[in-house]
Amino acid sequence: ESYRREQTHRQVAMQSLEATKQQLQESLALADRNA
């Protein structure tokens, strides 16, 4: 059960990290266009 929970938390963290990465890329692209 601990292993399952760790895997679930890891997947949630990876999804959150991927979403943050995408938002950062969009912000950088917007900053480049504004520049």
All heavy atoms as atom14 arrays in JSON, in Angstrom:
{
  "sequence": "ESYRREQTHRQVAMQSLEATKQQLQESLALADRNA",
  "atom14_mask": [
    [1, 1, 1, 1, 1, 1, 1, 1, 1, 0, 0, 0, 0, 0],
    [1, 1, 1, 1, 1, 1, 0, 0, 0, 0, 0, 0, 0, 0],
    [1, 1, 1, 1, 1, 1, 1, 1, 1, 1, 1, 1, 0, 0],
    [1, 1, 1, 1, 1, 1, 1, 1, 1, 1, 1, 0, 0, 0],
    [1, 1, 1, 1, 1, 1, 1, 1, 1, 1, 1, 0, 0, 0],
    [1, 1, 1, 1, 1, 1, 1, 1, 1, 0, 0, 0, 0, 0],
    [1, 1, 1, 1, 1, 1, 1, 1, 1, 0, 0, 0, 0, 0],
    [1, 1, 1, 1, 1, 1, 1, 0, 0, 0, 0, 0, 0, 0],
    [1, 1, 1, 1, 1, 1, 1, 1, 1, 1, 0, 0, 0, 0],
    [1, 1, 1, 1, 1, 1, 1, 1, 1, 1, 1, 0, 0, 0],
    [1, 1, 1, 1, 1, 1, 1, 1, 1, 0, 0, 0, 0, 0],
    [1, 1, 1, 1, 1, 1, 1, 0, 0, 0, 0, 0, 0, 0],
    [1, 1, 1, 1, 1, 0, 0, 0, 0, 0, 0, 0, 0, 0],
    [1, 1, 1, 1, 1, 1, 1, 1, 0, 0, 0, 0, 0, 0],
    [1, 1, 1, 1, 1, 1, 1, 1, 1, 0, 0, 0, 0, 0],
    [1, 1, 1, 1, 1, 1, 0, 0, 0, 0, 0, 0, 0, 0],
    [1, 1, 1, 1, 1, 1, 1, 1, 0, 0, 0, 0, 0, 0],
    [1, 1, 1, 1, 1, 1, 1, 1, 1, 0, 0, 0, 0, 0],
    [1, 1, 1, 1, 1, 0, 0, 0, 0, 0, 0, 0, 0, 0],
    [1, 1, 1, 1, 1, 1, 1, 0, 0, 0, 0, 0, 0, 0],
    [1, 1, 1, 1, 1, 1, 1, 1, 1, 0, 0, 0, 0, 0],
    [1, 1, 1, 1, 1, 1, 1, 1, 1, 0, 0, 0, 0, 0],
    [1, 1, 1, 1, 1, 1, 1, 1, 1, 0, 0, 0, 0, 0],
    [1, 1, 1, 1, 1, 1, 1, 1, 0, 0, 0, 0, 0, 0],
    [1, 1, 1, 1, 1, 1, 1, 1, 1, 0, 0, 0, 0, 0],
    [1, 1, 1, 1, 1, 1, 1, 1, 1, 0, 0, 0, 0, 0],
    [1, 1, 1, 1, 1, 1, 0, 0, 0, 0, 0, 0, 0, 0],
    [1, 1, 1, 1, 1, 1, 1, 1, 0, 0, 0, 0, 0, 0],
    [1, 1, 1, 1, 1, 0, 0, 0, 0, 0, 0, 0, 0, 0],
    [1, 1, 1, 1, 1, 1, 1, 1, 0, 0, 0, 0, 0, 0],
    [1, 1, 1, 1, 1, 0, 0, 0, 0, 0, 0, 0, 0, 0],
    [1, 1, 1, 1, 1, 1, 1, 1, 0, 0, 0, 0, 0, 0],
    [1, 1, 1, 1, 1, 1, 1, 1, 1, 1, 1, 0, 0, 0],
    [1, 1, 1, 1, 1, 1, 1, 1, 0, 0, 0, 0, 0, 0],
    [1, 1, 1, 1, 1, 0, 0, 0, 0, 0, 0, 0, 0, 0]
  ],
  "atom14_positions": [
    [[0.83, -1.2, 0.0], [0.0, 0.0, 0.0], [0.86, 1.25, 0.0], [0.56, 2.23, -0.69], [-0.93, 0.0, 1.22], [-1.97, 1.09, 1.21], [-2.96, 0.98, 0.06], [-3.09, -0.13, -0.51], [-3.59, 2.0, -0.27], [0.0, 0.0, 0.0], [0.0, 0.0, 0.0], [0.0, 0.0, 0.0], [0.0, 0.0, 0.0], [0.0, 0.0, 0.0]],
    [[1.95, 1.24, 0.77], [2.86, 2.38, 0.78], [3.49, 2.59, -0.59], [3.64, 3.73, -1.05], [3.96, 2.17, 1.83], [3.41, 2.05, 3.13], [0.0, 0.0, 0.0], [0.0, 0.0, 0.0], [0.0, 0.0, 0.0], [0.0, 0.0, 0.0], [0.0, 0.0, 0.0], [0.0, 0.0, 0.0], [0.0, 0.0, 0.0], [0.0, 0.0, 0.0]],
    [[3.83, 1.49, -1.24], [4.42, 1.58, -2.58], [3.42, 2.17, -3.56], [3.78, 3.03, -4.4], [4.86, 0.2, -3.03], [5.41, 0.16, -4.44], [6.7, 0.62, -4.7], [4.64, -0.33, -5.5], [7.22, 0.58, -5.98], [5.16, -0.36, -6.78], [6.43, 0.09, -7.02], [6.92, 0.06, -8.3], [0.0, 0.0, 0.0], [0.0, 0.0, 0.0]],
    [[2.15, 1.73, -3.48], [1.12, 2.27, -4.37], [0.94, 3.77, -4.15], [0.82, 4.55, -5.1], [-0.21, 1.56, -4.15], [-0.29, 0.14, -4.72], [-1.72, -0.33, -4.75], [-1.81, -1.71, -5.16], [-1.82, -2.76, -4.32], [-1.76, -2.53, -3.02], [-1.9, -3.99, -4.77], [0.0, 0.0, 0.0], [0.0, 0.0, 0.0], [0.0, 0.0, 0.0]],
    [[0.88, 4.18, -2.88], [0.69, 5.59, -2.58], [1.88, 6.41, -3.08], [1.7, 7.51, -3.61], [0.52, 5.78, -1.08], [-0.81, 5.25, -0.54], [-0.93, 5.49, 0.95], [-2.2, 4.99, 1.46], [-2.55, 5.03, 2.74], [-1.72, 5.55, 3.64], [-3.72, 4.55, 3.12], [0.0, 0.0, 0.0], [0.0, 0.0, 0.0], [0.0, 0.0, 0.0]],
    [[3.08, 5.87, -2.91], [4.26, 6.57, -3.4], [4.22, 6.72, -4.91], [4.55, 7.79, -5.45], [5.52, 5.81, -2.99], [6.81, 6.48, -3.41], [8.04, 5.7, -3.01], [7.88, 4.69, -2.27], [9.14, 6.06, -3.44], [0.0, 0.0, 0.0], [0.0, 0.0, 0.0], [0.0, 0.0, 0.0], [0.0, 0.0, 0.0], [0.0, 0.0, 0.0]],
    [[3.79, 5.65, -5.61], [3.68, 5.73, -7.06], [2.64, 6.76, -7.48], [2.84, 7.52, -8.42], [3.31, 4.35, -7.64], [4.42, 3.32, -7.55], [5.6, 3.69, -8.41], [6.63, 4.16, -7.93], [5.49, 3.47, -9.7], [0.0, 0.0, 0.0], [0.0, 0.0, 0.0], [0.0, 0.0, 0.0], [0.0, 0.0, 0.0], [0.0, 0.0, 0.0]],
    [[1.5, 6.78, -6.76], [0.45, 7.75, -7.06], [0.94, 9.17, -6.85], [0.73, 10.06, -7.68], [-0.79, 7.49, -6.18], [-1.27, 6.16, -6.43], [-1.9, 8.48, -6.51], [0.0, 0.0, 0.0], [0.0, 0.0, 0.0], [0.0, 0.0, 0.0], [0.0, 0.0, 0.0], [0.0, 0.0, 0.0], [0.0, 0.0, 0.0], [0.0, 0.0, 0.0]],
    [[1.62, 9.41, -5.71], [2.15, 10.74, -5.43], [3.18, 11.14, -6.47], [3.24, 12.31, -6.89], [2.77, 10.77, -4.03], [1.78, 10.62, -2.93], [2.11, 10.28, -1.63], [0.42, 10.77, -2.92], [1.03, 10.24, -0.88], [-0.01, 10.52, -1.64], [0.0, 0.0, 0.0], [0.0, 0.0, 0.0], [0.0, 0.0, 0.0], [0.0, 0.0, 0.0]],
    [[3.99, 10.16, -6.91], [5.01, 10.46, -7.91], [4.35, 10.84, -9.24], [4.8, 11.77, -9.92], [5.92, 9.25, -8.08], [7.1, 9.49, -9.01], [8.02, 8.28, -9.03], [8.53, 7.98, -7.7], [9.27, 6.91, -7.43], [9.57, 6.04, -8.38], [9.71, 6.7, -6.2], [0.0, 0.0, 0.0], [0.0, 0.0, 0.0], [0.0, 0.0, 0.0]],
    [[3.3, 10.12, -9.61], [2.6, 10.44, -10.86], [1.96, 11.82, -10.79], [2.03, 12.6, -11.75], [1.54, 9.37, -11.14], [2.12, 8.02, -11.53], [1.04, 6.97, -11.72], [-0.16, 7.24, -11.52], [1.43, 5.76, -12.09], [0.0, 0.0, 0.0], [0.0, 0.0, 0.0], [0.0, 0.0, 0.0], [0.0, 0.0, 0.0], [0.0, 0.0, 0.0]],
    [[1.34, 12.13, -9.64], [0.72, 13.46, -9.48], [1.79, 14.54, -9.55], [1.6, 15.59, -10.19], [-0.03, 13.53, -8.14], [-0.51, 14.96, -7.87], [-1.24, 12.59, -8.15], [0.0, 0.0, 0.0], [0.0, 0.0, 0.0], [0.0, 0.0, 0.0], [0.0, 0.0, 0.0], [0.0, 0.0, 0.0], [0.0, 0.0, 0.0], [0.0, 0.0, 0.0]],
    [[2.94, 14.28, -8.9], [4.03, 15.27, -8.93], [4.56, 15.46, -10.35], [4.84, 16.59, -10.77], [5.16, 14.83, -7.99], [0.0, 0.0, 0.0], [0.0, 0.0, 0.0], [0.0, 0.0, 0.0], [0.0, 0.0, 0.0], [0.0, 0.0, 0.0], [0.0, 0.0, 0.0], [0.0, 0.0, 0.0], [0.0, 0.0, 0.0], [0.0, 0.0, 0.0]],
    [[4.7, 14.37, -11.11], [5.17, 14.47, -12.48], [4.19, 15.23, -13.36], [4.59, 16.05, -14.19], [5.4, 13.07, -13.04], [6.59, 12.33, -12.42], [8.17, 13.18, -12.7], [8.29, 13.06, -14.48], [0.0, 0.0, 0.0], [0.0, 0.0, 0.0], [0.0, 0.0, 0.0], [0.0, 0.0, 0.0], [0.0, 0.0, 0.0], [0.0, 0.0, 0.0]],
    [[2.89, 14.98, -13.16], [1.88, 15.71, -13.92], [1.91, 17.2, -13.58], [1.8, 18.05, -14.47], [0.5, 15.12, -13.65], [0.31, 13.71, -14.2], [-1.02, 13.1, -13.79], [-1.76, 13.69, -13.0], [-1.31, 11.91, -14.29], [0.0, 0.0, 0.0], [0.0, 0.0, 0.0], [0.0, 0.0, 0.0], [0.0, 0.0, 0.0], [0.0, 0.0, 0.0]],
    [[2.05, 17.5, -12.28], [2.12, 18.9, -11.87], [3.37, 19.56, -12.43], [3.32, 20.71, -12.9], [2.12, 18.97, -10.34], [2.27, 20.31, -9.9], [0.0, 0.0, 0.0], [0.0, 0.0, 0.0], [0.0, 0.0, 0.0], [0.0, 0.0, 0.0], [0.0, 0.0, 0.0], [0.0, 0.0, 0.0], [0.0, 0.0, 0.0], [0.0, 0.0, 0.0]],
    [[4.49, 18.83, -12.42], [5.73, 19.38, -12.96], [5.62, 19.61, -14.46], [6.1, 20.64, -14.97], [6.88, 18.41, -12.67], [8.27, 18.84, -13.13], [8.67, 20.14, -12.44], [9.3, 17.75, -12.84], [0.0, 0.0, 0.0], [0.0, 0.0, 0.0], [0.0, 0.0, 0.0], [0.0, 0.0, 0.0], [0.0, 0.0, 0.0], [0.0, 0.0, 0.0]],
    [[4.96, 18.69, -15.16], [4.79, 18.84, -16.6], [3.89, 20.05, -16.91], [4.17, 20.82, -17.85], [4.17, 17.57, -17.19], [4.11, 17.54, -18.7], [5.47, 17.5, -19.34], [6.42, 17.02, -18.69], [5.59, 17.96, -20.49], [0.0, 0.0, 0.0], [0.0, 0.0, 0.0], [0.0, 0.0, 0.0], [0.0, 0.0, 0.0], [0.0, 0.0, 0.0]],
    [[2.82, 20.22, -16.11], [1.94, 21.38, -16.31], [2.69, 22.68, -16.04], [2.54, 23.67, -16.77], [0.72, 21.26, -15.4], [0.0, 0.0, 0.0], [0.0, 0.0, 0.0], [0.0, 0.0, 0.0], [0.0, 0.0, 0.0], [0.0, 0.0, 0.0], [0.0, 0.0, 0.0], [0.0, 0.0, 0.0], [0.0, 0.0, 0.0], [0.0, 0.0, 0.0]],
    [[3.51, 22.69, -14.97], [4.3, 23.9, -14.66], [5.3, 24.19, -15.77], [5.51, 25.35, -16.16], [5.04, 23.7, -13.33], [4.1, 23.42, -12.3], [5.82, 24.95, -12.96], [0.0, 0.0, 0.0], [0.0, 0.0, 0.0], [0.0, 0.0, 0.0], [0.0, 0.0, 0.0], [0.0, 0.0, 0.0], [0.0, 0.0, 0.0], [0.0, 0.0, 0.0]],
    [[5.91, 23.12, -16.3], [6.87, 23.3, -17.4], [6.19, 23.9, -18.63], [6.74, 24.8, -19.28], [7.5, 21.95, -17.74], [8.49, 22.0, -18.88], [9.04, 20.61, -19.18], [9.98, 20.64, -20.38], [10.49, 19.29, -20.7], [0.0, 0.0, 0.0], [0.0, 0.0, 0.0], [0.0, 0.0, 0.0], [0.0, 0.0, 0.0], [0.0, 0.0, 0.0]],
    [[4.99, 23.4, -18.94], [4.25, 23.92, -20.09], [3.88, 25.39, -19.89], [4.0, 26.21, -20.82], [3.01, 23.08, -20.33], [2.23, 23.46, -21.58], [1.07, 22.53, -21.84], [0.87, 21.56, -21.12], [0.31, 22.8, -22.87], [0.0, 0.0, 0.0], [0.0, 0.0, 0.0], [0.0, 0.0, 0.0], [0.0, 0.0, 0.0], [0.0, 0.0, 0.0]],
    [[3.44, 25.72, -18.68], [3.09, 27.11, -18.39], [4.32, 28.02, -18.5], [4.24, 29.15, -19.02], [2.5, 27.23, -16.98], [1.12, 26.59, -16.84], [0.6, 26.65, -15.43], [1.29, 27.12, -14.53], [-0.62, 26.19, -15.21], [0.0, 0.0, 0.0], [0.0, 0.0, 0.0], [0.0, 0.0, 0.0], [0.0, 0.0, 0.0], [0.0, 0.0, 0.0]],
    [[5.47, 27.52, -18.03], [6.71, 28.3, -18.12], [7.11, 28.52, -19.58], [7.52, 29.62, -19.96], [7.82, 27.59, -17.36], [9.19, 28.28, -17.36], [9.07, 29.66, -16.73], [10.21, 27.43, -16.61], [0.0, 0.0, 0.0], [0.0, 0.0, 0.0], [0.0, 0.0, 0.0], [0.0, 0.0, 0.0], [0.0, 0.0, 0.0], [0.0, 0.0, 0.0]],
    [[6.97, 27.46, -20.39], [7.29, 27.61, -21.81], [6.38, 28.61, -22.49], [6.82, 29.42, -23.31], [7.19, 26.24, -22.5], [8.29, 25.26, -22.1], [8.1, 23.89, -22.72], [7.02, 23.55, -23.19], [9.15, 23.09, -22.71], [0.0, 0.0, 0.0], [0.0, 0.0, 0.0], [0.0, 0.0, 0.0], [0.0, 0.0, 0.0], [0.0, 0.0, 0.0]],
    [[5.08, 28.57, -22.14], [4.15, 29.53, -22.71], [4.49, 30.96, -22.27], [4.4, 31.9, -23.06], [2.72, 29.18, -22.29], [2.21, 27.87, -22.9], [0.84, 27.48, -22.37], [0.35, 28.19, -21.45], [0.27, 26.49, -22.86], [0.0, 0.0, 0.0], [0.0, 0.0, 0.0], [0.0, 0.0, 0.0], [0.0, 0.0, 0.0], [0.0, 0.0, 0.0]],
    [[4.88, 31.11, -20.99], [5.24, 32.44, -20.49], [6.49, 32.96, -21.18], [6.58, 34.14, -21.54], [5.47, 32.39, -18.97], [4.29, 31.99, -18.3], [0.0, 0.0, 0.0], [0.0, 0.0, 0.0], [0.0, 0.0, 0.0], [0.0, 0.0, 0.0], [0.0, 0.0, 0.0], [0.0, 0.0, 0.0], [0.0, 0.0, 0.0], [0.0, 0.0, 0.0]],
    [[7.47, 32.06, -21.39], [8.7, 32.47, -22.08], [8.41, 32.84, -23.53], [8.97, 33.82, -24.05], [9.73, 31.33, -22.01], [10.33, 31.05, -20.64], [11.24, 29.84, -20.69], [11.1, 32.27, -20.12], [0.0, 0.0, 0.0], [0.0, 0.0, 0.0], [0.0, 0.0, 0.0], [0.0, 0.0, 0.0], [0.0, 0.0, 0.0], [0.0, 0.0, 0.0]],
    [[7.54, 32.06, -24.18], [7.18, 32.37, -25.56], [6.48, 33.72, -25.64], [6.74, 34.53, -26.55], [6.3, 31.27, -26.14], [0.0, 0.0, 0.0], [0.0, 0.0, 0.0], [0.0, 0.0, 0.0], [0.0, 0.0, 0.0], [0.0, 0.0, 0.0], [0.0, 0.0, 0.0], [0.0, 0.0, 0.0], [0.0, 0.0, 0.0], [0.0, 0.0, 0.0]],
    [[5.57, 33.98, -24.68], [4.88, 35.27, -24.65], [5.87, 36.41, -24.4], [5.77, 37.48, -25.02], [3.8, 35.25, -23.57], [2.98, 36.54, -23.4], [2.25, 36.88, -24.68], [2.0, 36.39, -22.24], [0.0, 0.0, 0.0], [0.0, 0.0, 0.0], [0.0, 0.0, 0.0], [0.0, 0.0, 0.0], [0.0, 0.0, 0.0], [0.0, 0.0, 0.0]],
    [[6.83, 36.17, -23.5], [7.84, 37.2, -23.22], [8.68, 37.48, -24.46], [9.01, 38.63, -24.75], [8.72, 36.75, -22.06], [0.0, 0.0, 0.0], [0.0, 0.0, 0.0], [0.0, 0.0, 0.0], [0.0, 0.0, 0.0], [0.0, 0.0, 0.0], [0.0, 0.0, 0.0], [0.0, 0.0, 0.0], [0.0, 0.0, 0.0], [0.0, 0.0, 0.0]],
    [[9.02, 36.41, -25.21], [9.79, 36.6, -26.44], [9.01, 37.41, -27.47], [9.56, 38.31, -28.12], [10.18, 35.24, -27.03], [11.22, 34.53, -26.18], [11.9, 35.2, -25.39], [11.33, 33.29, -26.29], [0.0, 0.0, 0.0], [0.0, 0.0, 0.0], [0.0, 0.0, 0.0], [0.0, 0.0, 0.0], [0.0, 0.0, 0.0], [0.0, 0.0, 0.0]],
    [[7.71, 37.1, -27.6], [6.89, 37.85, -28.55], [6.78, 39.32, -28.15], [6.85, 40.22, -28.99], [5.5, 37.21, -28.67], [5.5, 35.86, -29.38], [4.09, 35.45, -29.75], [3.23, 35.27, -28.6], [3.08, 34.11, -27.96], [3.76, 33.03, -28.37], [2.27, 34.0, -26.94], [0.0, 0.0, 0.0], [0.0, 0.0, 0.0], [0.0, 0.0, 0.0]],
    [[6.6, 39.55, -26.83], [6.51, 40.93, -26.36], [7.82, 41.68, -26.59], [7.82, 42.87, -26.92], [6.14, 40.96, -24.87], [4.71, 40.51, -24.62], [3.87, 40.6, -25.51], [4.44, 40.01, -23.42], [0.0, 0.0, 0.0], [0.0, 0.0, 0.0], [0.0, 0.0, 0.0], [0.0, 0.0, 0.0], [0.0, 0.0, 0.0], [0.0, 0.0, 0.0]],
    [[8.95, 40.95, -26.4], [10.25, 41.58, -26.64], [10.41, 41.94, -28.11], [10.95, 43.01, -28.44], [11.36, 40.64, -26.18], [0.0, 0.0, 0.0], [0.0, 0.0, 0.0], [0.0, 0.0, 0.0], [0.0, 0.0, 0.0], [0.0, 0.0, 0.0], [0.0, 0.0, 0.0], [0.0, 0.0, 0.0], [0.0, 0.0, 0.0], [0.0, 0.0, 0.0]]
  ]
}
